[in-house]
């Protein structure tokens, strides 16, 4: 599957914790960001390998922040393109 990562056309958000002691999530997030053409990464400070089950991690908040940044970028680009 790894050789085909560059073929993925959908936007991808990789979320990883900075305190993952099971696998090197930060390294893997960087590798995926380099291989996937439309990939964004977010690192959750203090998040472990099971961060989605931890009470201090709110995945919806992480997603909402990233989504708002995306739409802000899209709007800025479109305003520049549409200017007469």
Protein backbone atom coordinates (compact mmCIF):
# COMPACT_ATOMS: atom_id res chain seq x y z
CA UNK A 1 0.00 0.00 0.00
CA UNK A 2 2.82 2.45 0.72
CA UNK A 3 3.90 2.82 -2.93
CA UNK A 4 0.34 3.92 -3.78
CA UNK A 5 0.00 6.65 -1.13
CA UNK A 6 0.85 9.29 -3.73
CA UNK A 7 -2.27 8.28 -5.67
CA UNK A 8 -4.64 9.34 -2.88
CA UNK A 9 -6.46 12.46 -4.06
CA UNK A 10 -8.64 13.13 -1.00
CA UNK A 11 -7.60 15.52 1.74
CA UNK A 12 -6.13 13.64 4.68
CA UNK A 13 -5.74 14.81 8.26
CA UNK A 14 -3.21 12.83 10.29
CA UNK A 15 -3.63 13.32 14.03
CA UNK A 16 -0.94 12.02 16.34
CA UNK A 17 0.04 12.40 19.97
CA UNK A 18 3.40 13.71 21.11
CA UNK A 19 3.64 11.10 23.91
CA UNK A 20 2.98 7.92 21.92
CA UNK A 21 5.18 5.28 23.54
CA UNK A 22 3.92 2.38 21.44
CA UNK A 23 4.99 3.56 17.97
CA UNK A 24 6.87 6.63 16.70
CA UNK A 25 3.69 8.52 15.71
CA UNK A 26 5.44 11.85 15.09
CA UNK A 27 7.82 10.20 12.63
CA UNK A 28 4.98 8.32 10.94
CA UNK A 29 2.92 11.51 10.64
CA UNK A 30 5.84 13.21 8.92
CA UNK A 31 6.31 10.26 6.56
CA UNK A 32 2.61 10.27 5.64
CA UNK A 33 2.65 14.02 5.10
CA UNK A 34 5.52 13.63 2.65
CA UNK A 35 3.84 10.75 0.76
CA UNK A 36 0.22 11.96 0.63
CA UNK A 37 -0.20 14.93 -1.73
CA UNK A 38 -3.02 16.63 0.23
CA UNK A 39 -2.09 15.76 3.79
CA UNK A 40 -2.16 17.95 6.87
CA UNK A 41 -0.88 16.90 10.26
CA UNK A 42 -1.88 17.89 13.75
CA UNK A 43 0.07 16.88 16.83
CA UNK A 44 -1.82 16.70 20.09
CA UNK A 45 0.47 17.79 22.90
CA UNK A 46 0.56 15.06 25.56
CA UNK A 47 -1.56 12.65 23.52
CA UNK A 48 -0.62 8.99 23.79
CA UNK A 49 -1.18 6.10 21.39
CA UNK A 50 -4.74 5.79 22.75
CA UNK A 51 -5.39 9.53 22.76
CA UNK A 52 -8.86 9.20 21.25
CA UNK A 53 -9.93 7.42 24.43
CA UNK A 54 -8.32 10.03 26.70
CA UNK A 55 -10.55 12.67 28.23
CA UNK A 56 -8.27 15.64 27.44
CA UNK A 57 -8.34 14.98 23.69
CA UNK A 58 -11.31 16.36 21.77
CA UNK A 59 -11.04 15.10 18.21
CA UNK A 60 -13.94 17.28 17.08
CA UNK A 61 -12.11 20.38 18.31
CA UNK A 62 -8.94 19.32 16.46
CA UNK A 63 -10.97 18.71 13.31
CA UNK A 64 -12.90 21.98 13.61
CA UNK A 65 -9.71 24.02 13.98
CA UNK A 66 -8.13 22.35 10.95
CA UNK A 67 -11.31 22.74 8.93
CA UNK A 68 -11.59 26.43 9.76
CA UNK A 69 -7.96 26.94 8.70
CA UNK A 70 -8.69 25.14 5.44
CA UNK A 71 -11.75 27.26 4.65
CA UNK A 72 -9.88 30.43 5.59
CA UNK A 73 -7.16 29.49 3.11
CA UNK A 74 -9.71 28.66 0.40
CA UNK A 75 -11.52 31.96 0.90
CA UNK A 76 -8.28 33.95 0.76
CA UNK A 77 -7.21 32.19 -2.42
CA UNK A 78 -10.59 32.73 -4.05
CA UNK A 79 -10.66 36.41 -3.13
CA UNK A 80 -7.28 36.88 -4.74
CA UNK A 81 -8.32 34.97 -7.84
CA UNK A 82 -11.61 36.81 -8.21
CA UNK A 83 -10.23 40.30 -7.82
CA UNK A 84 -10.67 42.31 -11.03
